[in-house]
């Protein structure tokens, strides 16, 4: 795993972005958009119009695809592997089952009886080939962007925390004893992370990330059988976690931001357990 570089103008800020003209590492605050890619302040075109929020995610993606996204690739691989196991143990591509599936899915009674691992394992299970296909496409497309912007470790923290927040949301906002599976909560957390990263760059929430969130929430409500609570919980987890990382990136010690993200995950688990046991 490549070590992140540090912005040449802000040495205390880690970054995985670089000027397309001189190659020097730059942070999101220092980068300027140009027709040929992102540039440092010294090489930014004079009079360049500030990028619109709608173009930010797309432009950033176009300039960082040369870097690897190892955590995203690993998460996709784990999800596919687990899906194949549940297909082999179950009744086929659209009827996964078996011990791994039954012991890993999320439902309130199981959590209430001490199966706390279900809050975590649910994000690696899928109900069919279309389900996992859409989720893994979204994970690879969006996750690779966020991972390369905030780094592999922070991305993994946000992803897992969003997944736990999604589990809490699924139990809190819907019938806790309806079985739930899927990585959608964690993926909505990635959308929340993109929203914050786009806002930090453009100063606007009315951009491409918000458009994707609105469309996906509309689909969540329109399509029967989708966990609305799981999606909303994951979205909130991603927004809060990424905002904490963004606001503490220049604060010492460096672990404060990640610690807040972990705290969001702990609170999510506590709320989920309390809901499963009927105390809230």
Protein backbone atom coordinates (compact mmCIF):
# COMPACT_ATOMS: atom_id res chain seq x y z
CA UNK A 1 0.00 0.00 0.00
CA UNK A 2 1.53 3.29 -1.10
CA UNK A 3 2.28 5.84 1.59
CA UNK A 4 0.36 9.11 1.12
CA UNK A 5 2.30 12.20 0.16
CA UNK A 6 2.07 15.60 1.83
CA UNK A 7 0.90 18.84 0.26
CA UNK A 8 3.92 20.98 -0.67
CA UNK A 9 2.13 24.08 0.65
CA UNK A 10 0.68 22.39 3.75
CA UNK A 11 3.23 19.76 4.85
CA UNK A 12 1.00 18.51 7.66
CA UNK A 13 -1.77 17.44 5.25
CA UNK A 14 -1.70 14.02 3.65
CA UNK A 15 -2.83 13.81 0.04
CA UNK A 16 -3.00 11.51 -2.95
CA UNK A 17 -3.51 14.25 -5.49
CA UNK A 18 -0.83 15.88 -7.63
CA UNK A 19 -0.51 18.84 -10.00
CA UNK A 20 -0.85 17.68 -13.61
CA UNK A 21 1.74 20.25 -14.67
CA UNK A 22 4.62 19.86 -12.18
CA UNK A 23 3.66 16.68 -10.33
CA UNK A 24 3.91 18.21 -6.87
CA UNK A 25 1.46 16.82 -4.28
CA UNK A 26 -1.41 19.14 -3.36
CA UNK A 27 -4.33 18.96 -0.95
CA UNK A 28 -7.94 19.65 -1.91
CA UNK A 29 -7.67 23.24 -0.68
CA UNK A 30 -4.75 23.96 -3.00
CA UNK A 31 -5.96 22.19 -6.12
CA UNK A 32 -7.40 24.17 -9.03
CA UNK A 33 -9.34 22.63 -11.90
CA UNK A 34 -8.11 23.16 -15.44
CA UNK A 35 -9.06 21.58 -18.80
CA UNK A 36 -6.02 19.31 -18.53
CA UNK A 37 -6.63 18.23 -14.94
CA UNK A 38 -6.00 19.57 -11.45
CA UNK A 39 -3.16 22.02 -10.93
CA UNK A 40 -1.31 23.65 -8.06
CA UNK A 41 -1.83 27.38 -7.40
CA UNK A 42 1.37 28.28 -9.28
CA UNK A 43 0.26 26.48 -12.43
CA UNK A 44 -3.46 27.21 -12.31
CA UNK A 45 -4.76 29.07 -15.33
CA UNK A 46 -5.29 32.76 -14.68
CA UNK A 47 -8.99 33.58 -14.72
CA UNK A 48 -10.11 29.96 -14.43
CA UNK A 49 -13.73 29.83 -13.33
CA UNK A 50 -14.28 28.09 -10.01
CA UNK A 51 -15.58 24.58 -10.70
CA UNK A 52 -19.23 23.93 -10.22
CA UNK A 53 -20.27 21.46 -7.58
CA UNK A 54 -21.77 19.24 -10.27
CA UNK A 55 -18.38 18.71 -11.92
CA UNK A 56 -16.19 18.18 -8.88
CA UNK A 57 -16.60 14.46 -8.25
CA UNK A 58 -16.30 13.64 -11.96
CA UNK A 59 -13.18 15.77 -12.44
CA UNK A 60 -11.49 14.47 -9.32
CA UNK A 61 -12.18 10.90 -10.40
CA UNK A 62 -10.60 11.56 -13.78
CA UNK A 63 -7.37 12.73 -12.18
CA UNK A 64 -6.86 10.03 -9.54
CA UNK A 65 -7.66 6.82 -11.41
CA UNK A 66 -3.95 6.19 -11.92
CA UNK A 67 -3.72 5.36 -8.21
CA UNK A 68 -4.86 2.08 -6.70
CA UNK A 69 -7.82 1.59 -4.39
CA UNK A 70 -6.75 -1.56 -2.50
CA UNK A 71 -9.36 -1.40 0.26
CA UNK A 72 -12.22 -0.96 -2.22
CA UNK A 73 -10.94 -3.87 -4.31
CA UNK A 74 -10.61 -6.05 -1.21
CA UNK A 75 -14.13 -5.22 -0.04
CA UNK A 76 -15.54 -6.09 -3.46
CA UNK A 77 -13.60 -9.35 -3.41
CA UNK A 78 -14.86 -10.30 0.05
CA UNK A 79 -18.47 -9.56 -0.89
CA UNK A 80 -18.25 -11.63 -4.06
CA UNK A 81 -16.56 -14.51 -2.23
CA UNK A 82 -19.20 -14.55 0.52
CA UNK A 83 -21.96 -14.38 -2.10
CA UNK A 84 -20.54 -17.40 -3.93
CA UNK A 85 -20.39 -19.33 -0.66
CA UNK A 86 -24.03 -18.53 0.13
CA UNK A 87 -25.05 -19.44 -3.43
CA UNK A 88 -23.28 -22.79 -3.10
CA UNK A 89 -24.92 -23.44 0.28
CA UNK A 90 -28.32 -22.18 -0.86
CA UNK A 91 -30.56 -22.69 -3.86
CA UNK A 92 -28.75 -20.76 -6.59
CA UNK A 93 -27.82 -17.26 -7.70
CA UNK A 94 -31.12 -15.77 -6.60
CA UNK A 95 -31.67 -17.98 -3.57
CA UNK A 96 -28.53 -17.74 -1.43
CA UNK A 97 -28.75 -19.53 1.87
CA UNK A 98 -26.99 -21.96 4.13
CA UNK A 99 -25.26 -21.49 7.46
CA UNK A 100 -23.18 -18.45 6.47
CA UNK A 101 -26.28 -16.63 5.24
CA UNK A 102 -28.52 -17.57 8.17
CA UNK A 103 -25.89 -16.81 10.81
CA UNK A 104 -24.87 -13.51 9.19
CA UNK A 105 -28.14 -11.77 8.28
CA UNK A 106 -29.54 -9.02 10.48
CA UNK A 107 -32.70 -9.41 12.52
CA UNK A 108 -33.62 -8.00 15.89
CA UNK A 109 -34.28 -11.18 17.84
CA UNK A 110 -30.84 -12.53 16.98
CA UNK A 111 -29.13 -9.34 18.12
CA UNK A 112 -31.22 -9.28 21.29
CA UNK A 113 -30.01 -12.80 22.10
CA UNK A 114 -26.36 -11.77 21.81
CA UNK A 115 -25.62 -12.23 18.10
CA UNK A 116 -23.99 -8.81 17.93
CA UNK A 117 -21.82 -9.85 14.99
CA UNK A 118 -24.91 -9.65 12.78
CA UNK A 119 -24.61 -5.85 12.84
CA UNK A 120 -21.31 -6.29 11.00
CA UNK A 121 -21.76 -9.42 8.88
CA UNK A 122 -24.98 -8.17 7.28
CA UNK A 123 -22.99 -5.76 5.11
CA UNK A 124 -21.29 -8.70 3.33
CA UNK A 125 -24.45 -10.64 2.42
CA UNK A 126 -26.72 -10.19 -0.59
CA UNK A 127 -30.10 -11.58 -1.60
CA UNK A 128 -29.38 -12.26 -5.28
CA UNK A 129 -27.22 -11.61 -8.30
CA UNK A 130 -28.90 -8.30 -9.19
CA UNK A 131 -28.60 -7.12 -5.59
CA UNK A 132 -24.88 -7.78 -5.36
CA UNK A 133 -24.30 -6.60 -8.93
CA UNK A 134 -25.68 -3.12 -8.29
CA UNK A 135 -24.02 -2.84 -4.90
CA UNK A 136 -20.58 -3.90 -6.09
CA UNK A 137 -20.75 -1.59 -9.09
CA UNK A 138 -21.56 1.30 -6.78
CA UNK A 139 -18.89 0.26 -4.28
CA UNK A 140 -16.18 0.09 -6.92
CA UNK A 141 -17.21 3.26 -8.74
CA UNK A 142 -17.77 5.47 -5.70
CA UNK A 143 -15.53 3.76 -3.17
CA UNK A 144 -12.41 4.09 -5.30
CA UNK A 145 -12.96 7.87 -5.45
CA UNK A 146 -13.38 8.31 -1.71
CA UNK A 147 -10.52 5.96 -0.86
CA UNK A 148 -8.10 7.86 -3.05
CA UNK A 149 -9.20 11.20 -1.60
CA UNK A 150 -9.04 10.37 2.11
CA UNK A 151 -6.69 7.37 2.13
CA UNK A 152 -7.26 3.63 2.63
CA UNK A 153 -7.37 3.55 6.45
CA UNK A 154 -9.78 6.45 6.81
CA UNK A 155 -11.92 5.10 3.99
CA UNK A 156 -12.18 1.71 5.69
CA UNK A 157 -13.19 3.41 8.95
CA UNK A 158 -15.91 5.43 7.22
CA UNK A 159 -17.15 2.41 5.27
CA UNK A 160 -17.44 0.07 8.27
CA UNK A 161 -18.90 2.79 10.49
CA UNK A 162 -21.50 3.56 7.82
CA UNK A 163 -22.35 -0.13 7.64
CA UNK A 164 -22.89 -0.26 11.41
CA UNK A 165 -24.95 2.93 11.26
CA UNK A 166 -26.99 1.32 8.50
CA UNK A 167 -27.63 -1.71 10.71
CA UNK A 168 -28.78 0.59 13.49
CA UNK A 169 -31.04 2.47 11.10
CA UNK A 170 -32.57 -0.75 9.80
CA UNK A 171 -33.50 -1.79 13.33
CA UNK A 172 -34.58 1.67 14.49
CA UNK A 173 -36.75 2.79 11.57
CA UNK A 174 -38.29 -0.47 10.37
CA UNK A 175 -39.57 -3.69 11.93
CA UNK A 176 -36.44 -4.99 13.70
CA UNK A 177 -37.45 -8.61 13.17
CA UNK A 178 -37.62 -8.44 9.38
CA UNK A 179 -34.39 -10.10 8.11
CA UNK A 180 -32.08 -7.66 6.33
CA UNK A 181 -28.99 -8.20 4.16
CA UNK A 182 -26.81 -6.02 1.95
CA UNK A 183 -23.94 -3.55 1.76
CA UNK A 184 -26.30 -0.70 0.84
CA UNK A 185 -25.96 1.06 4.19
CA UNK A 186 -22.19 1.25 3.84
CA UNK A 187 -22.51 2.35 0.21
CA UNK A 188 -24.90 5.14 1.19
CA UNK A 189 -22.18 6.10 3.66
CA UNK A 190 -19.82 6.53 0.69
CA UNK A 191 -22.39 8.82 -0.92
CA UNK A 192 -22.46 10.81 2.31
CA UNK A 193 -18.67 11.01 2.28
CA UNK A 194 -18.73 12.31 -1.31
CA UNK A 195 -21.26 14.94 -0.30
CA UNK A 196 -18.94 16.28 2.40
CA UNK A 197 -15.82 16.12 0.22
CA UNK A 198 -17.62 17.94 -2.58
CA UNK A 199 -18.86 20.58 -0.16
CA UNK A 200 -15.35 21.11 1.26
CA UNK A 201 -14.09 21.76 -2.26
CA UNK A 202 -16.92 23.82 -3.77
CA UNK A 203 -18.78 25.30 -0.81
CA UNK A 204 -22.07 23.99 -2.21
CA UNK A 205 -24.27 21.03 -1.36
CA UNK A 206 -26.20 21.29 -4.62
CA UNK A 207 -23.83 19.16 -6.64
CA UNK A 208 -23.43 15.75 -8.20
CA UNK A 209 -23.23 13.94 -4.87
CA UNK A 210 -26.52 15.41 -3.69
CA UNK A 211 -28.13 14.50 -7.01
CA UNK A 212 -27.04 10.88 -6.61
CA UNK A 213 -28.28 10.82 -3.02
CA UNK A 214 -31.71 12.18 -3.96
CA UNK A 215 -32.09 9.72 -6.84
CA UNK A 216 -31.08 6.75 -4.71
CA UNK A 217 -33.33 7.78 -1.82
CA UNK A 218 -36.22 8.09 -4.26
CA UNK A 219 -35.52 4.56 -5.49
CA UNK A 220 -35.27 3.38 -1.89
CA UNK A 221 -38.80 4.63 -1.20
CA UNK A 222 -40.24 3.52 -4.54
CA UNK A 223 -38.96 -0.07 -4.65
CA UNK A 224 -40.64 -2.46 -2.20
CA UNK A 225 -38.51 -4.52 0.15
CA UNK A 226 -35.62 -2.06 0.50
CA UNK A 227 -34.57 -1.07 4.02
CA UNK A 228 -35.20 2.67 4.18
CA UNK A 229 -33.76 2.81 7.67
CA UNK A 230 -30.62 1.00 6.57
CA UNK A 231 -29.97 3.46 3.77
CA UNK A 232 -30.68 6.53 5.89
CA UNK A 233 -28.56 5.24 8.75
CA UNK A 234 -25.61 4.54 6.48
CA UNK A 235 -25.95 7.97 4.86
CA UNK A 236 -25.87 9.70 8.25
CA UNK A 237 -22.89 7.62 9.35
CA UNK A 238 -20.92 8.54 6.23
CA UNK A 239 -21.74 12.24 6.52
CA UNK A 240 -20.86 12.50 10.21
CA UNK A 241 -17.72 10.38 9.93
CA UNK A 242 -16.31 12.20 6.91
CA UNK A 243 -17.18 15.62 8.34
CA UNK A 244 -15.27 14.70 11.51
CA UNK A 245 -12.23 13.63 9.47
CA UNK A 246 -12.36 16.79 7.37
CA UNK A 247 -12.65 19.15 10.32
CA UNK A 248 -9.87 17.50 12.35
CA UNK A 249 -7.35 16.85 9.57
CA UNK A 250 -5.05 19.64 10.79
CA UNK A 251 -5.53 19.02 14.51
CA UNK A 252 -2.98 17.24 16.64
CA UNK A 253 -2.93 14.44 17.65
CA UNK A 254 -3.86 12.91 14.30
CA UNK A 255 -6.02 10.18 15.81
CA UNK A 256 -8.78 12.55 16.96
CA UNK A 257 -10.70 12.37 13.67
CA UNK A 258 -10.51 8.56 13.33
CA UNK A 259 -11.46 8.26 17.01
CA UNK A 260 -14.64 10.26 16.38
CA UNK A 261 -15.49 7.96 13.45
CA UNK A 262 -15.00 4.92 15.68
CA UNK A 263 -17.23 6.63 18.25
CA UNK A 264 -20.00 6.95 15.67
CA UNK A 265 -19.73 3.21 15.09
CA UNK A 266 -19.87 2.46 18.82
CA UNK A 267 -22.95 4.65 19.27
CA UNK A 268 -24.57 2.92 16.29
CA UNK A 269 -23.97 -0.50 17.84
CA UNK A 270 -25.34 0.66 21.20
CA UNK A 271 -28.50 2.06 19.60
CA UNK A 272 -29.00 -1.11 17.55
CA UNK A 273 -28.68 -3.37 20.58
CA UNK A 274 -31.01 -1.19 22.62
CA UNK A 275 -33.62 -1.28 19.84
CA UNK A 276 -33.28 -5.04 19.42
CA UNK A 277 -33.82 -5.54 23.15
CA UNK A 278 -36.80 -3.18 23.14
CA UNK A 279 -35.32 -0.62 25.53
CA UNK A 280 -35.84 2.22 23.04
